[in-house]
């Protein structure tokens, strides 16, 4: 790039910067909306299943049944909301949403355990929220197994039998997210989704706005080349995007206590590559549509929905149907989400994430080239 070309590019960047500064809505959307989205999703979006509301019908009313029930109420996974004396009360509680789980302890529960019989305990679960219901059932089965194990060991001790030791003992050790908090992997992925949406939305209006306001004719008549115009329009939004990344990183650590085990420099470097591609994608949408409303709607459909659903941010790609898994390979947010989670939670670098970084770089290069190719300094 020669000096004259640089001056023309910077002049276009200055023009776009003045427009952003004078248009409070654009500036607000560029800075305030990412912060608002991070706050809303960071606090409201969680996959942790804690304090499952439970109602109990204890037909036995003995010390043994109360001991069994205390295993549920003493854990952080269940919250006793009410007692019941019949199935009608249980049905009303589940229908109204007062309880997700109902535990029915049968009569003669203690007597059956004392005589060594197998005692059935009924658990009624609201399956309308299948994910939470599945996890709640797993919690309840673990609580019941623990109680049953202690009953067996106590019975053996009472009769003076030999000490029974289980042949296998599971000692789980969780790496990278020791507290098993969903927020620790949601927030890094959320940064990628927000950057994709905001970047494409901001730049999807730039060229279309010039066409609608009639100023594109003036730009076409100037010596400014097509790639200089595109670069000049991208530079201010690139700076805003990097500022948004910095704000998101600060909020992630200060508000949500999400650990950054890798290097901040690598996060910014990958964010720069991702922003270059996302901003160019927005410019491309603007060039093709030449209409701000259509460009805005098209940008939302092609960025937010795929980034939210198909990037691995919310749902594991391995659990998706094979056909959908194939589609995810063309979603750039998939690679940025993988990079952010690896850097944030595992502290790994390009020696592990080199493939994702390479594919993200390829996306950025392709978007820049296609946007420059599609823009023509013509009135038609």
Protein backbone atom coordinates (compact mmCIF):
# COMPACT_ATOMS: atom_id res chain seq x y z
CA UNK A 1 0.00 0.00 0.00
CA UNK A 2 1.52 3.33 -1.07
CA UNK A 3 1.18 6.60 0.84
CA UNK A 4 -1.61 7.93 -1.38
CA UNK A 5 -3.62 4.75 -1.03
CA UNK A 6 -3.16 4.84 2.74
CA UNK A 7 -4.38 8.44 2.87
CA UNK A 8 -7.52 7.56 0.91
CA UNK A 9 -8.23 4.60 3.17
CA UNK A 10 -7.77 6.69 6.30
CA UNK A 11 -10.00 9.39 4.83
CA UNK A 12 -12.77 6.81 4.36
CA UNK A 13 -12.18 5.55 7.90
CA UNK A 14 -12.44 9.12 9.21
CA UNK A 15 -15.70 9.65 7.32
CA UNK A 16 -17.19 6.45 8.78
CA UNK A 17 -15.94 7.33 12.26
CA UNK A 18 -17.63 10.73 12.10
CA UNK A 19 -20.87 9.05 11.08
CA UNK A 20 -20.65 6.64 14.01
CA UNK A 21 -19.89 9.41 16.49
CA UNK A 22 -22.71 11.62 15.23
CA UNK A 23 -25.20 8.76 15.17
CA UNK A 24 -25.72 7.90 18.83
CA UNK A 25 -27.80 4.87 17.94
CA UNK A 26 -25.00 3.24 15.99
CA UNK A 27 -22.51 3.91 18.74
CA UNK A 28 -24.93 2.66 21.39
CA UNK A 29 -25.62 -0.52 19.44
CA UNK A 30 -21.90 -1.07 18.99
CA UNK A 31 -20.98 -0.81 22.68
CA UNK A 32 -24.07 -1.03 24.89
CA UNK A 33 -25.80 -3.98 23.21
CA UNK A 34 -22.86 -6.41 23.64
CA UNK A 35 -22.67 -5.47 27.33
CA UNK A 36 -26.43 -5.92 27.74
CA UNK A 37 -26.41 -9.28 25.94
CA UNK A 38 -23.52 -10.51 28.07
CA UNK A 39 -25.32 -9.47 31.26
CA UNK A 40 -28.65 -11.02 30.24
CA UNK A 41 -27.26 -14.28 28.89
CA UNK A 42 -24.54 -14.55 31.53
CA UNK A 43 -26.97 -14.31 34.43
CA UNK A 44 -30.10 -15.84 32.91
CA UNK A 45 -28.62 -18.64 30.82
CA UNK A 46 -27.48 -21.58 32.92
CA UNK A 47 -27.45 -25.33 32.43
CA UNK A 48 -26.84 -26.10 36.11
CA UNK A 49 -29.65 -28.09 37.71
CA UNK A 50 -29.78 -27.17 41.39
CA UNK A 51 -32.55 -26.90 43.97
CA UNK A 52 -35.04 -29.01 42.02
CA UNK A 53 -38.46 -28.31 43.60
CA UNK A 54 -39.79 -31.47 45.27
CA UNK A 55 -42.95 -32.52 47.04
CA UNK A 56 -43.00 -35.58 49.37
CA UNK A 57 -45.70 -37.97 50.51
CA UNK A 58 -44.21 -39.90 53.41
CA UNK A 59 -46.71 -42.65 54.18
CA UNK A 60 -44.40 -44.31 56.70
CA UNK A 61 -43.57 -41.39 59.01
CA UNK A 62 -40.71 -43.22 60.75
CA UNK A 63 -37.16 -42.28 61.62
CA UNK A 64 -35.86 -44.41 58.76
CA UNK A 65 -38.08 -42.69 56.19
CA UNK A 66 -37.04 -39.29 57.56
CA UNK A 67 -33.38 -40.31 57.31
CA UNK A 68 -33.93 -41.27 53.68
CA UNK A 69 -35.71 -38.00 52.98
CA UNK A 70 -32.91 -36.02 54.63
CA UNK A 71 -30.55 -37.29 51.93
CA UNK A 72 -32.60 -35.31 49.42
CA UNK A 73 -33.21 -32.18 51.47
CA UNK A 74 -29.61 -32.09 52.69
CA UNK A 75 -28.19 -31.87 49.16
CA UNK A 76 -28.04 -28.79 46.96
CA UNK A 77 -29.84 -30.63 44.20
CA UNK A 78 -33.33 -30.80 45.76
CA UNK A 79 -35.52 -28.29 47.53
CA UNK A 80 -38.48 -29.55 49.56
CA UNK A 81 -41.43 -27.30 48.78
CA UNK A 82 -44.33 -29.08 50.45
CA UNK A 83 -45.70 -32.29 51.89
CA UNK A 84 -48.59 -34.28 50.46
CA UNK A 85 -51.15 -36.68 51.83
CA UNK A 86 -52.62 -38.02 48.59
CA UNK A 87 -51.98 -38.26 44.86
CA UNK A 88 -54.39 -35.43 44.09
CA UNK A 89 -52.12 -33.02 45.97
CA UNK A 90 -49.09 -34.32 44.05
CA UNK A 91 -50.90 -33.91 40.75
CA UNK A 92 -51.84 -30.30 41.53
CA UNK A 93 -48.26 -29.48 42.56
CA UNK A 94 -46.76 -30.85 39.35
CA UNK A 95 -49.47 -29.36 37.10
CA UNK A 96 -48.99 -25.90 38.63
CA UNK A 97 -45.21 -26.05 38.48
CA UNK A 98 -44.88 -25.93 42.26
CA UNK A 99 -42.84 -29.12 42.09
CA UNK A 100 -40.89 -30.90 39.39
CA UNK A 101 -40.40 -34.10 41.39
CA UNK A 102 -42.70 -35.99 43.73
CA UNK A 103 -41.31 -38.62 46.10
CA UNK A 104 -43.73 -41.22 47.49
CA UNK A 105 -42.38 -43.26 50.41
CA UNK A 106 -44.64 -46.29 50.98
CA UNK A 107 -46.12 -47.42 54.27
CA UNK A 108 -44.05 -50.01 56.16
CA UNK A 109 -40.93 -48.58 54.52
CA UNK A 110 -38.86 -49.02 57.70
CA UNK A 111 -40.33 -52.44 58.38
CA UNK A 112 -39.42 -53.68 54.92
CA UNK A 113 -35.85 -52.45 55.26
CA UNK A 114 -35.53 -54.02 58.72
CA UNK A 115 -36.54 -57.45 57.38
CA UNK A 116 -34.19 -57.21 54.42
CA UNK A 117 -36.86 -56.92 51.75
CA UNK A 118 -36.53 -54.76 48.67
CA UNK A 119 -38.76 -51.74 49.20
CA UNK A 120 -40.07 -49.84 46.15
CA UNK A 121 -40.02 -46.04 46.36
CA UNK A 122 -42.03 -44.13 43.80
CA UNK A 123 -40.67 -41.04 42.09
CA UNK A 124 -42.97 -39.01 39.85
CA UNK A 125 -41.19 -36.54 37.55
CA UNK A 126 -42.53 -33.77 35.34
CA UNK A 127 -41.15 -34.72 31.93
CA UNK A 128 -42.19 -31.52 30.14
CA UNK A 129 -38.64 -30.29 30.74
CA UNK A 130 -36.89 -33.45 29.65
CA UNK A 131 -33.32 -32.25 30.27
CA UNK A 132 -33.95 -31.19 33.86
CA UNK A 133 -36.09 -34.29 34.48
CA UNK A 134 -33.32 -36.61 33.27
CA UNK A 135 -30.73 -34.93 35.50
CA UNK A 136 -33.12 -34.96 38.48
CA UNK A 137 -33.71 -38.69 38.05
CA UNK A 138 -29.95 -39.25 37.99
CA UNK A 139 -29.57 -37.27 41.22
CA UNK A 140 -32.37 -39.24 42.90
CA UNK A 141 -30.90 -42.58 41.84
CA UNK A 142 -27.51 -41.58 43.24
CA UNK A 143 -29.08 -40.55 46.56
CA UNK A 144 -31.01 -43.82 46.76
CA UNK A 145 -27.95 -45.93 45.96
CA UNK A 146 -26.00 -44.20 48.69
CA UNK A 147 -28.77 -44.79 51.23
CA UNK A 148 -29.14 -48.45 50.19
CA UNK A 149 -25.40 -49.02 50.50
CA UNK A 150 -25.39 -47.70 54.06
CA UNK A 151 -28.39 -49.86 54.98
CA UNK A 152 -26.58 -52.99 53.74
CA UNK A 153 -23.35 -52.11 55.54
CA UNK A 154 -25.23 -51.37 58.76
CA UNK A 155 -27.05 -54.69 58.58
CA UNK A 156 -23.77 -56.58 58.10
CA UNK A 157 -22.19 -54.83 61.06
CA UNK A 158 -25.14 -55.68 63.30
CA UNK A 159 -24.95 -59.41 62.62
CA UNK A 160 -21.19 -59.38 63.11
CA UNK A 161 -20.40 -60.29 59.53
CA UNK A 162 -17.16 -59.49 57.73
CA UNK A 163 -16.52 -55.98 56.54
CA UNK A 164 -17.79 -55.55 53.01
CA UNK A 165 -15.77 -53.45 50.66
CA UNK A 166 -16.92 -52.52 47.25
CA UNK A 167 -14.56 -53.86 44.56
CA UNK A 168 -14.56 -50.57 42.64
CA UNK A 169 -14.37 -47.03 43.91
CA UNK A 170 -14.86 -44.11 41.58
CA UNK A 171 -12.79 -41.06 42.42
CA UNK A 172 -13.79 -38.38 39.90
CA UNK A 173 -11.34 -35.62 39.18
CA UNK A 174 -12.66 -32.78 37.07
CA UNK A 175 -10.20 -30.85 34.97
CA UNK A 176 -10.55 -27.29 33.64
CA UNK A 177 -13.96 -26.60 35.22
CA UNK A 178 -13.60 -27.97 38.74
CA UNK A 179 -16.85 -26.47 40.04
CA UNK A 180 -18.80 -27.90 37.08
CA UNK A 181 -20.32 -24.46 36.57
CA UNK A 182 -22.02 -24.03 33.21
CA UNK A 183 -21.26 -20.30 33.35
CA UNK A 184 -17.54 -21.03 32.92
CA UNK A 185 -18.05 -22.40 29.42
CA UNK A 186 -21.15 -20.40 28.46
CA UNK A 187 -19.54 -16.98 28.88
CA UNK A 188 -16.50 -17.61 26.59
CA UNK A 189 -18.78 -19.05 23.92
CA UNK A 190 -21.16 -16.16 24.41
CA UNK A 191 -18.39 -13.72 23.54
CA UNK A 192 -18.04 -15.41 20.15
CA UNK A 193 -21.78 -15.30 19.45
CA UNK A 194 -22.07 -11.64 20.44
CA UNK A 195 -19.07 -10.63 18.33
CA UNK A 196 -20.44 -12.46 15.31
CA UNK A 197 -23.87 -10.87 15.55
CA UNK A 198 -22.73 -7.34 16.37
CA UNK A 199 -19.98 -7.30 13.74
CA UNK A 200 -22.24 -8.45 10.93
CA UNK A 201 -25.12 -6.19 12.00
CA UNK A 202 -22.95 -3.07 12.17
CA UNK A 203 -21.28 -3.41 8.80
CA UNK A 204 -24.32 -4.84 7.00
CA UNK A 205 -25.78 -1.33 6.94
CA UNK A 206 -22.74 0.63 5.78
CA UNK A 207 -22.75 0.23 1.97
CA UNK A 208 -26.55 -0.12 1.85
CA UNK A 209 -26.83 3.20 3.68
CA UNK A 210 -24.68 4.89 1.05
CA UNK A 211 -26.93 3.57 -1.71
CA UNK A 212 -30.15 4.61 0.03
CA UNK A 213 -28.90 8.11 0.85
CA UNK A 214 -27.55 8.70 -2.63
CA UNK A 215 -23.99 9.27 -1.47
CA UNK A 216 -22.61 6.23 -3.24
CA UNK A 217 -22.61 8.14 -6.53
CA UNK A 218 -20.29 10.70 -4.98
CA UNK A 219 -17.95 7.98 -3.67
CA UNK A 220 -17.89 6.28 -7.06
CA UNK A 221 -16.83 9.53 -8.72
CA UNK A 222 -13.80 9.87 -6.39
CA UNK A 223 -10.38 8.25 -6.97
CA UNK A 224 -11.02 5.95 -4.00
CA UNK A 225 -10.64 2.34 -5.09
CA UNK A 226 -13.09 -0.34 -4.11
CA UNK A 227 -10.81 -2.11 -1.65
CA UNK A 228 -9.83 1.22 -0.10
CA UNK A 229 -13.48 2.08 0.47
CA UNK A 230 -14.17 -1.29 2.08
CA UNK A 231 -11.04 -1.13 4.25
CA UNK A 232 -11.88 2.41 5.33
CA UNK A 233 -15.38 1.38 6.35
CA UNK A 234 -14.12 -1.68 8.23
CA UNK A 235 -11.43 0.04 10.31
CA UNK A 236 -13.70 1.99 12.72
CA UNK A 237 -15.91 -1.03 13.33
CA UNK A 238 -12.86 -3.22 13.80
CA UNK A 239 -11.66 -0.87 16.56
CA UNK A 240 -15.12 -0.93 18.16
CA UNK A 241 -15.20 -4.72 17.92
CA UNK A 242 -11.85 -5.06 19.68
CA UNK A 243 -13.10 -2.68 22.36
CA UNK A 244 -16.15 -4.93 22.79
CA UNK A 245 -13.87 -7.95 23.19
CA UNK A 246 -11.92 -6.15 25.92
CA UNK A 247 -15.13 -5.16 27.71
CA UNK A 248 -16.47 -8.72 27.46
CA UNK A 249 -13.25 -10.15 28.90
CA UNK A 250 -13.30 -7.72 31.82
CA UNK A 251 -16.99 -8.44 32.52
CA UNK A 252 -16.41 -12.17 32.28
CA UNK A 253 -13.75 -12.07 34.97
CA UNK A 254 -15.17 -9.32 37.19
CA UNK A 255 -18.87 -10.23 37.15
CA UNK A 256 -18.95 -13.95 36.39
CA UNK A 257 -15.55 -15.04 37.78
CA UNK A 258 -14.74 -16.96 34.62
CA UNK A 259 -11.05 -17.92 34.78
CA UNK A 260 -8.73 -16.99 31.90
CA UNK A 261 -6.06 -19.69 32.06
CA UNK A 262 -4.53 -18.87 28.70
CA UNK A 263 -3.03 -15.64 27.43
CA UNK A 264 -5.10 -12.52 26.78
CA UNK A 265 -2.87 -11.75 23.79
CA UNK A 266 -3.97 -14.96 22.06
CA UNK A 267 -7.63 -14.14 22.74
CA UNK A 268 -7.20 -10.72 21.12
CA UNK A 269 -5.28 -12.17 18.19
CA UNK A 270 -7.98 -14.75 17.43
CA UNK A 271 -10.69 -12.15 18.00
CA UNK A 272 -8.99 -9.88 15.44
CA UNK A 273 -9.02 -12.66 12.84
CA UNK A 274 -12.63 -13.50 13.61
CA UNK A 275 -13.72 -9.84 13.51
CA UNK A 276 -12.06 -9.30 10.15
CA UNK A 277 -14.09 -12.14 8.68
CA UNK A 278 -17.35 -11.24 10.42
CA UNK A 279 -17.10 -7.56 9.46
CA UNK A 280 -16.30 -8.48 5.87
CA UNK A 281 -19.30 -10.79 5.87
CA UNK A 282 -21.49 -7.89 6.97
CA UNK A 283 -20.01 -5.68 4.23
CA UNK A 284 -20.71 -8.45 1.71
CA UNK A 285 -24.35 -8.64 2.83
CA UNK A 286 -24.62 -4.85 2.48
CA UNK A 287 -23.07 -4.91 -1.02
CA UNK A 288 -25.41 -7.64 -2.24
CA UNK A 289 -28.68 -6.33 -0.76
CA UNK A 290 -28.21 -2.52 -1.16
CA UNK A 291 -31.08 -2.06 1.29
CA UNK A 292 -30.66 -1.45 5.03
CA UNK A 293 -33.80 -3.30 6.14
CA UNK A 294 -33.10 -6.36 4.01
CA UNK A 295 -29.44 -6.30 5.02
CA UNK A 296 -30.32 -6.14 8.70
CA UNK A 297 -32.77 -9.04 8.50
CA UNK A 298 -30.43 -11.14 6.38
CA UNK A 299 -27.54 -10.49 8.79
CA UNK A 300 -29.61 -11.70 11.75
CA UNK A 301 -30.66 -14.89 9.96
CA UNK A 302 -27.15 -15.72 8.77
CA UNK A 303 -25.29 -14.86 11.99
CA UNK A 304 -27.32 -15.10 15.18
CA UNK A 305 -29.25 -18.29 14.49
CA UNK A 306 -26.30 -20.38 13.20
CA UNK A 307 -23.90 -18.98 15.81
CA UNK A 308 -26.30 -19.65 18.66
CA UNK A 309 -27.48 -23.11 17.64
CA UNK A 310 -24.72 -24.65 15.53
CA UNK A 311 -21.45 -23.37 17.00
CA UNK A 312 -21.26 -25.69 20.01
CA UNK A 313 -21.91 -22.72 22.27
CA UNK A 314 -25.12 -24.13 23.75
CA UNK A 315 -25.43 -27.66 22.41
CA UNK A 316 -22.70 -30.23 21.90
CA UNK A 317 -22.09 -30.74 18.19
CA UNK A 318 -21.38 -34.44 18.77
CA UNK A 319 -25.00 -34.92 19.91
CA UNK A 320 -26.48 -33.39 16.76
CA UNK A 321 -27.68 -35.44 13.77
CA UNK A 322 -24.90 -36.25 11.33
CA UNK A 323 -26.32 -33.99 8.60
CA UNK A 324 -26.35 -31.03 10.99
CA UNK A 325 -22.82 -31.82 12.16
CA UNK A 326 -21.65 -31.49 8.56
CA UNK A 327 -23.32 -28.08 8.26
CA UNK A 328 -21.53 -26.80 11.39
CA UNK A 329 -18.20 -26.96 9.56
CA UNK A 330 -19.16 -23.85 7.58
CA UNK A 331 -20.15 -21.90 10.71
CA UNK A 332 -17.14 -19.71 11.61
CA UNK A 333 -18.38 -19.21 15.17
CA UNK A 334 -17.78 -22.95 15.72
CA UNK A 335 -14.03 -22.46 15.49
CA UNK A 336 -13.99 -19.25 17.52
CA UNK A 337 -16.04 -20.89 20.29
CA UNK A 338 -13.64 -23.83 20.37
CA UNK A 339 -10.67 -21.44 20.52
CA UNK A 340 -12.16 -19.35 23.33
CA UNK A 341 -13.09 -22.38 25.44
CA UNK A 342 -9.66 -23.89 24.95
CA UNK A 343 -7.85 -20.66 25.85
CA UNK A 344 -10.15 -19.74 28.74
CA UNK A 345 -10.70 -23.09 30.44
CA UNK A 346 -7.72 -25.24 29.40
CA UNK A 347 -5.05 -22.61 28.93
CA UNK A 348 -3.88 -24.25 25.68
CA UNK A 349 -2.40 -22.44 22.71
CA UNK A 350 -2.00 -22.87 18.98
CA UNK A 351 -0.06 -26.10 19.47
CA UNK A 352 -3.43 -27.68 20.29
CA UNK A 353 -5.84 -25.27 18.61
CA UNK A 354 -3.85 -24.75 15.41
CA UNK A 355 -6.49 -26.37 13.18
CA UNK A 356 -9.29 -24.16 14.51
CA UNK A 357 -7.09 -21.07 14.20
CA UNK A 358 -6.18 -22.01 10.61
CA UNK A 359 -9.80 -22.54 9.59
CA UNK A 360 -10.82 -19.27 11.24
CA UNK A 361 -8.05 -17.49 9.34
CA UNK A 362 -9.25 -19.08 6.11
CA UNK A 363 -12.76 -17.79 6.80
CA UNK A 364 -11.43 -14.25 7.34
CA UNK A 365 -9.37 -14.30 4.16
CA UNK A 366 -12.25 -15.68 2.06
CA UNK A 367 -14.72 -13.10 3.37
CA UNK A 368 -12.31 -10.21 2.71
CA UNK A 369 -11.60 -11.40 -0.83
CA UNK A 370 -15.23 -12.07 -1.71
CA UNK A 371 -16.37 -8.69 -0.35
CA UNK A 372 -13.73 -6.92 -2.46
CA UNK A 373 -14.64 -8.98 -5.50
CA UNK A 374 -18.38 -8.27 -5.23
CA UNK A 375 -18.00 -4.51 -4.77
CA UNK A 376 -17.95 -2.69 -8.06
CA UNK A 377 -17.62 1.06 -8.52
CA UNK A 378 -20.61 1.16 -10.80
CA UNK A 379 -24.08 2.65 -10.52
CA UNK A 380 -25.74 -0.58 -11.68
